[in-house]
Amino acid sequence: MPASPRRVAQDIDICQYMAMRQPVAVLEPTSAVACCAPIADPGLSDDEAVATAELFRALGDPARVRILHILATQTDEVCGCDLEQPLGLSQPTVSFHLKKLAEAGVLDREKRGVWVYYSLNHEARRRLSDVLRLSRRKTR
C-alpha cells in the first residue's frame, strides 16, 4: 500500500531536519595563494574612457568600420571618391560616413582642389591599439 502524500511530506521534513542538525563543515584554506592573479593594468582613466567611447560610437556603423579598415591598410591618403566602389555605396552616403568619422576625430582630411583626401588619425590609431591590446594579450 502506497504511503499517503501527507506521510511522505512528514518523512521529507524529518529527513531535512535531521540533516540540518548536523554541523556544517567549514573548509579552511589550504594555501595562501589567491584564487586569481591580481589585475595588472589599472584600466583607463575617465578621460581615456570617454575618448574611447566616442571612438567606438563613431564606429557604430558597418560602413564606417569598413572605411576605417580600408584607410588603416593604405600607405597614403585616399580620396573620398575612391571609396564608393569598394564600399558599394553612393557618393552622398560615403561622404556622410566620412564626415561622421572626421567629426569624431577618427580621420584626418585634406582638401586638394575639389577633392578631399582622408587618412586615419594617428591618435585614433593609438587609442584603438591601446584599448584592444591584441598584440599584448596573455592567455591564462
C-alpha atoms as a PDB file:
ATOM      1  CA  MET A   1       0.000   0.000   0.000  1.00  0.00           C
ATOM      2  CA  PRO A   2       1.483   3.365  -1.049  1.00  0.00           C
ATOM      3  CA  ALA A   3       2.243   5.974   1.582  1.00  0.00           C
ATOM      4  CA  SER A   4      -0.106   8.937   1.806  1.00  0.00           C
ATOM      5  CA  PRO A   5       1.119  12.279   0.464  1.00  0.00           C
ATOM      6  CA  ARG A   6       0.926  13.705   3.965  1.00  0.00           C
ATOM      7  CA  ARG A   7       3.112  10.921   5.344  1.00  0.00           C
ATOM      8  CA  VAL A   8       5.687  11.456   2.557  1.00  0.00           C
ATOM      9  CA  ALA A   9       5.803  15.200   3.318  1.00  0.00           C
ATOM     10  CA  GLN A  10       6.366  14.463   7.021  1.00  0.00           C
ATOM     11  CA  ASP A  11       9.156  11.995   6.223  1.00  0.00           C
ATOM     12  CA  ILE A  12      10.836  14.550   3.950  1.00  0.00           C
ATOM     13  CA  ASP A  13      10.574  17.233   6.633  1.00  0.00           C
ATOM     14  CA  ILE A  14      12.079  14.890   9.243  1.00  0.00           C
ATOM     15  CA  CYS A  15      14.957  13.942   6.924  1.00  0.00           C
ATOM     16  CA  GLN A  16      15.698  17.580   6.157  1.00  0.00           C
ATOM     17  CA  TYR A  17      15.539  18.466   9.840  1.00  0.00           C
ATOM     18  CA  MET A  18      17.819  15.616  10.809  1.00  0.00           C
ATOM     19  CA  ALA A  19      20.334  16.519   8.114  1.00  0.00           C
ATOM     20  CA  MET A  20      20.361  20.176   9.154  1.00  0.00           C
ATOM     21  CA  ARG A  21      21.006  19.360  12.824  1.00  0.00           C
ATOM     22  CA  GLN A  22      24.460  18.106  11.980  1.00  0.00           C
ATOM     23  CA  PRO A  23      27.160  20.775  11.902  1.00  0.00           C
ATOM     24  CA  VAL A  24      28.245  22.086   8.522  1.00  0.00           C
ATOM     25  CA  ALA A  25      31.904  21.516   7.777  1.00  0.00           C
ATOM     26  CA  VAL A  26      33.917  24.693   7.299  1.00  0.00           C
ATOM     27  CA  LEU A  27      36.699  24.408   4.805  1.00  0.00           C
ATOM     28  CA  GLU A  28      39.940  26.062   5.726  1.00  0.00           C
ATOM     29  CA  PRO A  29      42.233  27.471   3.050  1.00  0.00           C
ATOM     30  CA  THR A  30      45.000  25.047   2.206  1.00  0.00           C
ATOM     31  CA  SER A  31      47.417  27.673   0.932  1.00  0.00           C
ATOM     32  CA  ALA A  32      47.999  31.410   0.935  1.00  0.00           C
ATOM     33  CA  VAL A  33      47.677  31.629  -2.865  1.00  0.00           C
ATOM     34  CA  ALA A  34      44.819  33.793  -4.067  1.00  0.00           C
ATOM     35  CA  CYS A  35      42.260  32.224  -6.376  1.00  0.00           C
ATOM     36  CA  CYS A  36      43.152  34.560  -9.232  1.00  0.00           C
ATOM     37  CA  ALA A  37      46.051  36.736 -10.219  1.00  0.00           C
ATOM     38  CA  PRO A  38      45.577  40.426  -9.415  1.00  0.00           C
ATOM     39  CA  ILE A  39      44.707  42.746 -12.264  1.00  0.00           C
ATOM     40  CA  ALA A  40      47.992  44.141 -13.545  1.00  0.00           C
ATOM     41  CA  ASP A  41      46.622  47.009 -15.633  1.00  0.00           C
ATOM     42  CA  PRO A  42      44.532  49.501 -13.647  1.00  0.00           C
ATOM     43  CA  GLY A  43      42.464  50.292 -16.748  1.00  0.00           C
ATOM     44  CA  LEU A  44      41.571  53.507 -18.473  1.00  0.00           C
ATOM     45  CA  SER A  45      41.325  56.923 -16.892  1.00  0.00           C
ATOM     46  CA  ASP A  46      37.965  58.669 -17.099  1.00  0.00           C
ATOM     47  CA  ASP A  47      39.198  60.905 -19.937  1.00  0.00           C
ATOM     48  CA  GLU A  48      40.561  57.915 -21.867  1.00  0.00           C
ATOM     49  CA  ALA A  49      37.302  56.037 -21.391  1.00  0.00           C
ATOM     50  CA  VAL A  50      35.262  58.991 -22.718  1.00  0.00           C
ATOM     51  CA  ALA A  51      37.533  59.414 -25.742  1.00  0.00           C
ATOM     52  CA  THR A  52      37.433  55.698 -26.456  1.00  0.00           C
ATOM     53  CA  ALA A  53      33.639  55.586 -26.141  1.00  0.00           C
ATOM     54  CA  GLU A  54      33.389  58.417 -28.664  1.00  0.00           C
ATOM     55  CA  LEU A  55      35.692  56.490 -30.984  1.00  0.00           C
ATOM     56  CA  PHE A  56      33.578  53.343 -30.729  1.00  0.00           C
ATOM     57  CA  ARG A  57      30.377  55.352 -31.129  1.00  0.00           C
ATOM     58  CA  ALA A  58      31.750  56.690 -34.412  1.00  0.00           C
ATOM     59  CA  LEU A  59      32.454  53.105 -35.477  1.00  0.00           C
ATOM     60  CA  GLY A  60      28.894  52.021 -34.710  1.00  0.00           C
ATOM     61  CA  ASP A  61      28.047  51.511 -38.388  1.00  0.00           C
ATOM     62  CA  PRO A  62      29.467  48.663 -40.514  1.00  0.00           C
ATOM     63  CA  ALA A  63      30.227  51.062 -43.383  1.00  0.00           C
ATOM     64  CA  ARG A  64      32.367  53.184 -41.058  1.00  0.00           C
ATOM     65  CA  VAL A  65      34.231  50.133 -39.803  1.00  0.00           C
ATOM     66  CA  ARG A  66      34.941  49.177 -43.416  1.00  0.00           C
ATOM     67  CA  ILE A  67      36.142  52.720 -44.166  1.00  0.00           C
ATOM     68  CA  LEU A  68      38.436  52.555 -41.150  1.00  0.00           C
ATOM     69  CA  HIS A  69      39.808  49.206 -42.303  1.00  0.00           C
ATOM     70  CA  ILE A  70      40.454  50.468 -45.826  1.00  0.00           C
ATOM     71  CA  LEU A  71      42.255  53.568 -44.587  1.00  0.00           C
ATOM     72  CA  ALA A  72      44.227  51.650 -41.952  1.00  0.00           C
ATOM     73  CA  THR A  73      45.602  49.294 -44.597  1.00  0.00           C
ATOM     74  CA  GLN A  74      46.682  52.042 -47.033  1.00  0.00           C
ATOM     75  CA  THR A  75      50.093  53.689 -47.019  1.00  0.00           C
ATOM     76  CA  ASP A  76      48.832  57.002 -48.457  1.00  0.00           C
ATOM     77  CA  GLU A  77      45.745  59.171 -48.099  1.00  0.00           C
ATOM     78  CA  VAL A  78      42.667  58.012 -50.000  1.00  0.00           C
ATOM     79  CA  CYS A  79      40.370  60.265 -51.994  1.00  0.00           C
ATOM     80  CA  GLY A  80      36.769  60.065 -50.815  1.00  0.00           C
ATOM     81  CA  CYS A  81      35.671  59.360 -54.395  1.00  0.00           C
ATOM     82  CA  ASP A  82      37.758  56.164 -54.408  1.00  0.00           C
ATOM     83  CA  LEU A  83      35.732  54.658 -51.544  1.00  0.00           C
ATOM     84  CA  GLU A  84      32.406  54.401 -53.383  1.00  0.00           C
ATOM     85  CA  GLN A  85      33.269  51.295 -55.395  1.00  0.00           C
ATOM     86  CA  PRO A  86      34.880  49.148 -52.643  1.00  0.00           C
ATOM     87  CA  LEU A  87      32.072  50.016 -50.208  1.00  0.00           C
ATOM     88  CA  GLY A  88      29.288  49.635 -52.770  1.00  0.00           C
ATOM     89  CA  LEU A  89      27.724  52.879 -51.537  1.00  0.00           C
ATOM     90  CA  SER A  90      26.662  56.064 -53.281  1.00  0.00           C
ATOM     91  CA  GLN A  91      28.806  59.198 -53.108  1.00  0.00           C
ATOM     92  CA  PRO A  92      26.442  61.038 -50.705  1.00  0.00           C
ATOM     93  CA  THR A  93      26.383  58.046 -48.331  1.00  0.00           C
ATOM     94  CA  VAL A  94      30.178  57.695 -48.383  1.00  0.00           C
ATOM     95  CA  SER A  95      30.519  61.440 -47.749  1.00  0.00           C
ATOM     96  CA  PHE A  96      28.103  61.214 -44.822  1.00  0.00           C
ATOM     97  CA  HIS A  97      30.113  58.431 -43.162  1.00  0.00           C
ATOM     98  CA  LEU A  98      33.433  60.178 -43.829  1.00  0.00           C
ATOM     99  CA  LYS A  99      32.040  63.348 -42.254  1.00  0.00           C
ATOM    100  CA  LYS A 100      30.946  61.444 -39.120  1.00  0.00           C
ATOM    101  CA  LEU A 101      34.370  59.804 -38.774  1.00  0.00           C
ATOM    102  CA  ALA A 102      36.195  63.111 -39.307  1.00  0.00           C
ATOM    103  CA  GLU A 103      33.972  64.904 -36.754  1.00  0.00           C
ATOM    104  CA  ALA A 104      34.744  62.171 -34.220  1.00  0.00           C
ATOM    105  CA  GLY A 105      38.478  62.697 -34.773  1.00  0.00           C
ATOM    106  CA  VAL A 106      38.986  59.271 -36.307  1.00  0.00           C
ATOM    107  CA  LEU A 107      40.044  60.605 -39.709  1.00  0.00           C
ATOM    108  CA  ASP A 108      42.227  63.444 -40.895  1.00  0.00           C
ATOM    109  CA  ARG A 109      41.041  65.195 -44.048  1.00  0.00           C
ATOM    110  CA  GLU A 110      42.938  67.329 -46.515  1.00  0.00           C
ATOM    111  CA  LYS A 111      41.204  69.244 -49.279  1.00  0.00           C
ATOM    112  CA  ARG A 112      43.089  69.385 -52.591  1.00  0.00           C
ATOM    113  CA  GLY A 113      41.134  71.455 -55.082  1.00  0.00           C
ATOM    114  CA  VAL A 114      37.693  69.889 -55.347  1.00  0.00           C
ATOM    115  CA  TRP A 115      38.847  66.541 -53.916  1.00  0.00           C
ATOM    116  CA  VAL A 116      39.159  65.586 -50.256  1.00  0.00           C
ATOM    117  CA  TYR A 117      41.728  63.009 -49.143  1.00  0.00           C
ATOM    118  CA  TYR A 118      41.361  61.031 -45.926  1.00  0.00           C
ATOM    119  CA  SER A 119      43.745  59.163 -43.655  1.00  0.00           C
ATOM    120  CA  LEU A 120      43.459  57.504 -40.268  1.00  0.00           C
ATOM    121  CA  ASN A 121      44.246  59.926 -37.448  1.00  0.00           C
ATOM    122  CA  HIS A 122      47.382  58.863 -35.547  1.00  0.00           C
ATOM    123  CA  GLU A 123      45.795  59.470 -32.135  1.00  0.00           C
ATOM    124  CA  ALA A 124      42.733  57.398 -33.080  1.00  0.00           C
ATOM    125  CA  ARG A 125      45.023  54.593 -34.290  1.00  0.00           C
ATOM    126  CA  ARG A 126      46.888  54.709 -30.961  1.00  0.00           C
ATOM    127  CA  ARG A 127      43.641  54.681 -28.939  1.00  0.00           C
ATOM    128  CA  LEU A 128      42.329  51.687 -30.866  1.00  0.00           C
ATOM    129  CA  SER A 129      45.614  49.876 -30.465  1.00  0.00           C
ATOM    130  CA  ASP A 130      45.819  50.650 -26.731  1.00  0.00           C
ATOM    131  CA  VAL A 131      42.263  49.595 -25.986  1.00  0.00           C
ATOM    132  CA  LEU A 132      42.338  46.399 -27.978  1.00  0.00           C
ATOM    133  CA  ARG A 133      45.857  45.415 -26.890  1.00  0.00           C
ATOM    134  CA  LEU A 134      45.581  42.366 -29.089  1.00  0.00           C
ATOM    135  CA  SER A 135      49.307  42.007 -29.534  1.00  0.00           C
ATOM    136  CA  ARG A 136      49.904  42.087 -25.767  1.00  0.00           C
ATOM    137  CA  ARG A 137      47.043  39.810 -24.681  1.00  0.00           C
ATOM    138  CA  LYS A 138      48.216  36.991 -22.455  1.00  0.00           C
ATOM    139  CA  THR A 139      46.449  33.669 -22.187  1.00  0.00           C
ATOM    140  CA  ARG A 140      45.902  32.008 -18.858  1.00  0.00           C
END
